[in-house]
Amino acid sequence: MLDYLSLSAVAQVVREGSFERAARALHVTPSAVSQRVKQLEDRLGLALIVRGTPCVATEAGAWLCRHVEQVGMLERELHSALPALGALDAGEQRVTLRVAVNADSLGTWLMPAIAAFGAREPALVNLSIDDETHTAEWLRTGAVLAAVTASPKPGQGCRSVPLGRMRYRATASPAFKKKYFARGVTAKALAEAPSLAFSRKDKLQAQWLQAVCGHAVEVPRHWLPSTQAFVAASVAGVGWGMNPATLVEPHLRDGSLVELVRGADLQVPLYWHHVRLKIPMLERLTQDVVAAAREGLEPWDDVKATSAGR
């Protein structure tokens, strides 16, 4: 049998990032947390936590943390069915669901789903940000229970739910476009005009350049790892960038932004992947995410989509 007292200590250290904060959350001393973790590591013959600032889980520790989360969700369902159990465990910690998501989804359509879930469930959400072409890897390694991803194919033991399409437009301020593209949006002009890049995983600009110019173009880049900063930088004339259509529509209407090439949009398909387990709380989170996507993303149709993005 697994020692769930020790497992909970491991999960709490990873969740809080330190033994001291985990001890406060568990209402015990740091030495007690350390002893529980060490006992489990000695029993398994595996390191479960990399001690540091912050403390992080090893691969084995991540799998055990995911197991603890799954058990916690199942116990919550049991407490709902048998309320008397709650009185026996009044000091119980909230369940934390870990989810990987791309920054643009978090900055546009996803938050209503998190709000609906958090208002209804005795649970917390831990969101990790990565490019949507890489979030599925978080799920594969066991770091999260669910992910928003651009991959239609789920990993082993996971389910894939289509969400919709996120539309991106290449936008810049009118003054920026006049300065760099007075003679048209050409490969030569693009090679001189500063662009905005989210991270080195961000391929949206390269995809757009390939589509518009017919070949790859190397462009100068500002690095801005923030969805909101992308829009603000575009409006301020820092550079041109691929912005979610829903965020730039007001700016396009009032003239503070313009498209570089009208109609040259990119559309990124998004999917919700989650572990294939019958956990009602996770299923309800899935329903909230699908409902929010229905409101905030464009529906599926025959328009060609690209898998590049952030």
Protein backbone atom coordinates (compact mmCIF):
# COMPACT_ATOMS: atom_id res chain seq x y z
CA MET A 1 0.00 0.00 0.00
CA LEU A 2 1.16 3.51 -0.73
CA ASP A 3 1.86 5.81 2.21
CA TYR A 4 -0.51 8.67 1.43
CA LEU A 5 0.72 10.75 4.34
CA SER A 6 4.17 10.80 2.74
CA LEU A 7 2.72 11.19 -0.75
CA SER A 8 0.79 14.24 0.38
CA ALA A 9 3.98 15.71 1.81
CA VAL A 10 5.78 15.24 -1.52
CA ALA A 11 2.89 16.79 -3.45
CA GLN A 12 2.67 19.74 -1.05
CA VAL A 13 6.41 20.47 -1.29
CA VAL A 14 6.18 20.48 -5.09
CA ARG A 15 3.05 22.61 -5.00
CA GLU A 16 4.48 25.17 -2.55
CA GLY A 17 8.08 25.06 -3.79
CA SER A 18 9.65 24.63 -0.35
CA PHE A 19 9.54 22.40 2.72
CA GLU A 20 8.79 25.37 4.97
CA ARG A 21 5.70 26.51 3.04
CA ALA A 22 4.54 22.89 2.70
CA ALA A 23 4.82 22.50 6.46
CA ARG A 24 2.68 25.58 7.05
CA ALA A 25 0.05 24.28 4.62
CA LEU A 26 0.02 20.87 6.30
CA HIS A 27 0.14 22.35 9.84
CA VAL A 28 3.25 20.36 10.80
CA THR A 29 6.92 21.19 11.26
CA PRO A 30 9.37 21.37 8.32
CA SER A 31 11.31 18.49 9.87
CA ALA A 32 8.17 16.34 9.82
CA VAL A 33 7.66 17.08 6.12
CA SER A 34 11.31 16.34 5.41
CA GLN A 35 11.10 13.07 7.30
CA ARG A 36 7.99 11.95 5.42
CA VAL A 37 9.56 12.74 2.06
CA LYS A 38 12.84 11.02 2.95
CA GLN A 39 11.04 7.90 4.22
CA LEU A 40 9.16 7.56 0.95
CA GLU A 41 12.31 8.18 -1.11
CA ASP A 42 14.20 5.55 0.92
CA ARG A 43 11.36 3.07 0.53
CA LEU A 44 11.16 3.55 -3.25
CA GLY A 45 14.89 3.95 -3.76
CA LEU A 46 14.21 7.05 -5.87
CA ALA A 47 14.71 10.77 -5.50
CA LEU A 48 11.30 12.44 -5.66
CA ILE A 49 12.22 16.09 -5.09
CA VAL A 50 15.14 18.15 -6.35
CA ARG A 51 15.99 20.33 -3.38
CA GLY A 52 16.47 23.92 -4.45
CA THR A 53 14.76 27.29 -4.75
CA PRO A 54 12.14 26.35 -5.63
CA CYS A 55 11.97 22.62 -4.92
CA VAL A 56 10.77 20.70 -7.97
CA ALA A 57 9.67 17.15 -8.63
CA THR A 58 11.82 14.59 -10.35
CA GLU A 59 10.17 12.57 -13.12
CA ALA A 60 9.17 9.92 -10.58
CA GLY A 61 7.98 12.60 -8.18
CA ALA A 62 5.84 14.19 -10.90
CA TRP A 63 4.08 10.90 -11.55
CA LEU A 64 3.38 10.45 -7.84
CA CYS A 65 2.09 14.02 -7.59
CA ARG A 66 -0.29 13.37 -10.46
CA HIS A 67 -1.50 10.25 -8.68
CA VAL A 68 -2.11 12.25 -5.50
CA GLU A 69 -4.13 14.80 -7.48
CA GLN A 70 -6.24 12.07 -9.06
CA VAL A 71 -6.90 10.42 -5.69
CA GLY A 72 -7.76 13.80 -4.20
CA MET A 73 -10.35 14.46 -6.89
CA LEU A 74 -11.91 11.04 -6.35
CA GLU A 75 -12.02 11.63 -2.60
CA ARG A 76 -13.82 14.94 -3.18
CA GLU A 77 -16.48 13.11 -5.15
CA LEU A 78 -16.81 10.60 -2.32
CA HIS A 79 -17.21 13.41 0.20
CA SER A 80 -19.95 14.91 -1.95
CA ALA A 81 -21.80 11.60 -1.94
CA LEU A 82 -21.15 11.00 1.77
CA PRO A 83 -21.07 14.42 3.50
CA ALA A 84 -20.42 12.81 6.88
CA LEU A 85 -16.90 12.03 5.73
CA GLY A 86 -16.14 15.72 5.57
CA ALA A 87 -16.61 16.08 9.31
CA LEU A 88 -13.90 13.46 9.84
CA ASP A 89 -11.36 15.44 7.83
CA ALA A 90 -12.13 19.10 8.40
CA GLY A 91 -8.53 20.14 7.80
CA GLU A 92 -8.36 18.65 4.33
CA GLN A 93 -6.41 20.57 1.71
CA ARG A 94 -8.01 21.69 -1.51
CA VAL A 95 -7.20 19.64 -4.58
CA THR A 96 -4.91 21.38 -7.09
CA LEU A 97 -5.31 20.57 -10.79
CA ARG A 98 -2.27 21.26 -12.93
CA VAL A 99 -2.93 22.32 -16.53
CA ALA A 100 -0.61 23.40 -19.36
CA VAL A 101 -1.91 26.16 -21.62
CA ASN A 102 -0.60 28.58 -24.24
CA ALA A 103 -0.37 32.22 -23.23
CA ASP A 104 -2.76 33.48 -25.93
CA SER A 105 -5.55 31.16 -24.77
CA LEU A 106 -5.05 32.32 -21.20
CA GLY A 107 -5.10 35.93 -22.35
CA THR A 108 -8.27 35.60 -24.43
CA TRP A 109 -10.90 32.87 -24.04
CA LEU A 110 -9.85 30.49 -21.24
CA MET A 111 -10.32 32.54 -18.07
CA PRO A 112 -14.15 32.20 -17.96
CA ALA A 113 -13.65 28.43 -17.78
CA ILE A 114 -11.23 28.76 -14.86
CA ALA A 115 -13.60 31.18 -13.11
CA ALA A 116 -16.61 28.88 -13.53
CA PHE A 117 -14.66 25.87 -12.31
CA GLY A 118 -13.16 27.69 -9.33
CA ALA A 119 -16.51 29.11 -8.24
CA ARG A 120 -18.10 25.68 -8.17
CA GLU A 121 -15.40 23.22 -7.17
CA PRO A 122 -13.39 22.81 -3.93
CA ALA A 123 -10.21 22.96 -6.01
CA LEU A 124 -7.39 25.22 -7.14
CA VAL A 125 -5.80 25.44 -10.58
CA ASN A 126 -2.06 25.57 -11.31
CA LEU A 127 -1.53 26.81 -14.88
CA SER A 128 1.80 26.33 -16.67
CA ILE A 129 2.47 28.42 -19.79
CA ASP A 130 4.08 27.01 -22.92
CA ASP A 131 3.68 27.16 -26.69
CA GLU A 132 0.61 25.21 -27.80
CA THR A 133 2.81 22.98 -29.95
CA HIS A 134 4.65 21.89 -26.79
CA THR A 135 1.98 21.75 -24.06
CA ALA A 136 1.12 18.13 -24.92
CA GLU A 137 4.61 17.18 -23.77
CA TRP A 138 3.72 18.36 -20.26
CA LEU A 139 0.85 15.89 -20.28
CA ARG A 140 2.99 13.07 -21.66
CA THR A 141 5.55 13.46 -18.89
CA GLY A 142 2.89 13.52 -16.19
CA ALA A 143 3.55 17.13 -15.19
CA VAL A 144 -0.11 18.08 -15.75
CA LEU A 145 -3.49 16.39 -15.94
CA ALA A 146 -4.73 18.36 -18.95
CA ALA A 147 -3.47 20.74 -21.62
CA VAL A 148 -4.61 23.12 -24.34
CA THR A 149 -2.63 22.06 -27.39
CA ALA A 150 -2.44 22.40 -31.16
CA SER A 151 -1.96 18.66 -31.62
CA PRO A 152 -5.07 16.71 -32.65
CA LYS A 153 -3.59 13.35 -31.65
CA PRO A 154 -3.71 12.59 -27.93
CA GLY A 155 -0.88 10.84 -26.14
CA GLN A 156 -1.17 7.37 -24.67
CA GLY A 157 -3.87 7.19 -22.03
CA CYS A 158 -5.28 10.61 -22.95
CA ARG A 159 -8.38 11.92 -24.67
CA SER A 160 -8.52 14.75 -27.24
CA VAL A 161 -11.46 17.17 -27.47
CA PRO A 162 -11.59 19.71 -30.36
CA LEU A 163 -12.05 23.26 -29.09
CA GLY A 164 -12.01 25.53 -32.13
CA ARG A 165 -9.68 27.85 -34.01
CA MET A 166 -7.76 30.89 -32.86
CA ARG A 167 -7.32 33.50 -35.59
CA TYR A 168 -4.18 35.65 -35.74
CA ARG A 169 -3.60 38.85 -37.69
CA ALA A 170 -0.28 40.50 -38.54
CA THR A 171 -0.74 44.03 -37.20
CA ALA A 172 1.25 47.21 -36.61
CA SER A 173 0.61 50.86 -35.87
CA PRO A 174 -0.21 53.08 -38.88
CA ALA A 175 3.02 55.06 -38.31
CA PHE A 176 5.09 51.86 -38.21
CA LYS A 177 3.54 50.57 -41.43
CA LYS A 178 4.12 53.92 -43.15
CA LYS A 179 7.75 53.97 -42.03
CA TYR A 180 8.72 50.45 -43.05
CA PHE A 181 6.19 49.46 -45.70
CA ALA A 182 5.58 52.66 -47.68
CA ARG A 183 6.41 50.76 -50.88
CA GLY A 184 4.52 47.62 -49.94
CA VAL A 185 4.94 44.60 -47.70
CA THR A 186 7.83 42.91 -49.47
CA ALA A 187 10.43 40.41 -48.33
CA LYS A 188 13.06 43.16 -48.41
CA ALA A 189 10.96 45.51 -46.27
CA LEU A 190 10.10 42.73 -43.82
CA ALA A 191 13.81 41.91 -43.41
CA GLU A 192 14.32 45.48 -42.15
CA ALA A 193 11.22 45.99 -40.01
CA PRO A 194 11.41 44.96 -36.32
CA SER A 195 9.00 42.16 -35.46
CA LEU A 196 7.67 40.81 -32.16
CA ALA A 197 8.43 37.25 -31.03
CA PHE A 198 6.98 35.55 -27.96
CA SER A 199 9.75 32.97 -27.51
CA ARG A 200 12.07 30.82 -29.57
CA LYS A 201 9.24 28.29 -29.81
CA ASP A 202 6.98 30.88 -31.45
CA LYS A 203 6.65 29.98 -35.15
CA LEU A 204 3.66 32.15 -36.05
CA GLN A 205 5.72 34.91 -37.65
CA ALA A 206 7.74 32.40 -39.70
CA GLN A 207 4.53 30.72 -40.86
CA TRP A 208 3.02 34.05 -41.88
CA LEU A 209 6.19 35.17 -43.68
CA GLN A 210 6.28 31.90 -45.63
CA ALA A 211 2.64 32.30 -46.63
CA VAL A 212 2.97 35.96 -47.69
CA CYS A 213 6.39 35.89 -49.35
CA GLY A 214 6.46 32.32 -50.60
CA HIS A 215 9.75 31.65 -48.85
CA ALA A 216 11.41 32.04 -45.45
CA VAL A 217 12.49 35.54 -44.42
CA GLU A 218 14.85 36.32 -41.55
CA VAL A 219 13.53 39.30 -39.61
CA PRO A 220 14.82 41.35 -36.63
CA ARG A 221 12.94 40.55 -33.44
CA HIS A 222 11.95 42.04 -30.13
CA TRP A 223 11.33 39.29 -27.53
CA LEU A 224 8.12 39.86 -25.54
CA PRO A 225 6.77 36.84 -23.61
CA SER A 226 3.34 38.36 -22.92
CA THR A 227 0.12 38.34 -24.91
CA GLN A 228 -0.92 41.75 -23.61
CA ALA A 229 2.58 43.18 -24.22
CA PHE A 230 2.37 42.02 -27.83
CA VAL A 231 -0.71 44.14 -28.44
CA ALA A 232 0.64 47.11 -26.47
CA ALA A 233 3.94 46.97 -28.34
CA SER A 234 2.14 46.83 -31.68
CA VAL A 235 0.03 49.87 -30.80
CA ALA A 236 3.12 51.73 -29.56
CA GLY A 237 4.96 51.12 -32.82
CA VAL A 238 7.68 48.89 -31.34
CA GLY A 239 7.23 46.31 -34.08
CA TRP A 240 4.75 44.24 -36.04
CA GLY A 241 3.38 41.05 -34.55
CA MET A 242 0.92 38.19 -34.91
CA ASN A 243 -1.87 39.05 -32.50
CA PRO A 244 -5.08 37.19 -31.61
CA ALA A 245 -7.87 38.67 -33.69
CA THR A 246 -10.17 39.07 -30.69
CA LEU A 247 -7.62 41.31 -28.94
CA VAL A 248 -6.82 43.55 -31.89
CA GLU A 249 -10.32 43.99 -33.33
CA PRO A 250 -11.03 47.12 -31.21
CA HIS A 251 -7.70 48.62 -32.28
CA LEU A 252 -8.35 47.84 -35.93
CA ARG A 253 -11.74 49.54 -35.64
CA ASP A 254 -10.39 52.71 -34.00
CA GLY A 255 -7.37 52.87 -36.32
CA SER A 256 -4.64 52.44 -33.70
CA LEU A 257 -3.61 49.25 -35.51
CA VAL A 258 -3.70 48.20 -39.16
CA GLU A 259 -3.13 44.87 -40.87
CA LEU A 260 0.10 44.47 -42.80
CA VAL A 261 -1.66 42.42 -45.46
CA ARG A 262 -5.44 42.38 -45.38
CA GLY A 263 -6.90 38.87 -45.34
CA ALA A 264 -3.57 37.12 -44.66
CA ASP A 265 -4.75 35.58 -41.38
CA LEU A 266 -3.41 32.48 -39.71
CA GLN A 267 -5.74 30.08 -37.95
CA VAL A 268 -4.46 27.76 -35.22
CA PRO A 269 -6.54 24.71 -34.27
CA LEU A 270 -6.77 24.07 -30.53
CA TYR A 271 -7.59 20.87 -28.65
CA TRP A 272 -8.11 19.94 -25.02
CA HIS A 273 -6.16 16.86 -23.99
CA HIS A 274 -6.68 15.24 -20.60
CA VAL A 275 -5.91 11.94 -18.91
CA ARG A 276 -8.46 9.28 -19.80
CA LEU A 277 -9.76 8.61 -16.32
CA LYS A 278 -13.32 8.66 -15.01
CA ILE A 279 -12.80 11.54 -12.60
CA PRO A 280 -15.98 13.65 -12.40
CA MET A 281 -14.13 16.82 -11.31
CA LEU A 282 -11.83 16.63 -14.34
CA GLU A 283 -14.81 15.96 -16.58
CA ARG A 284 -16.53 19.06 -15.22
CA LEU A 285 -13.41 21.13 -15.90
CA THR A 286 -13.46 19.77 -19.43
CA GLN A 287 -17.09 20.88 -19.82
CA ASP A 288 -16.17 24.38 -18.59
CA VAL A 289 -13.25 24.59 -21.03
CA VAL A 290 -15.37 23.41 -23.97
CA ALA A 291 -18.11 25.92 -23.09
CA ALA A 292 -15.59 28.79 -22.89
CA ALA A 293 -14.02 27.75 -26.19
CA ARG A 294 -17.43 27.75 -27.82
CA GLU A 295 -17.81 31.40 -26.82
CA GLY A 296 -14.25 32.60 -27.40
CA LEU A 297 -12.91 30.61 -30.37
CA GLU A 298 -14.04 30.33 -33.96
CA PRO A 299 -15.87 27.09 -34.77
CA TRP A 300 -14.45 24.37 -36.95
CA ASP A 301 -15.06 24.70 -40.69
CA ASP A 302 -13.26 23.91 -43.93
CA VAL A 303 -10.79 26.78 -43.63
CA LYS A 304 -7.20 25.51 -43.62
CA ALA A 305 -5.50 25.87 -40.25
CA THR A 306 -1.85 25.97 -39.28
CA SER A 307 -0.19 24.16 -36.41
CA ALA A 308 2.31 26.93 -35.70
CA GLY A 309 1.73 29.20 -32.75
CA ARG A 310 2.39 30.01 -29.13
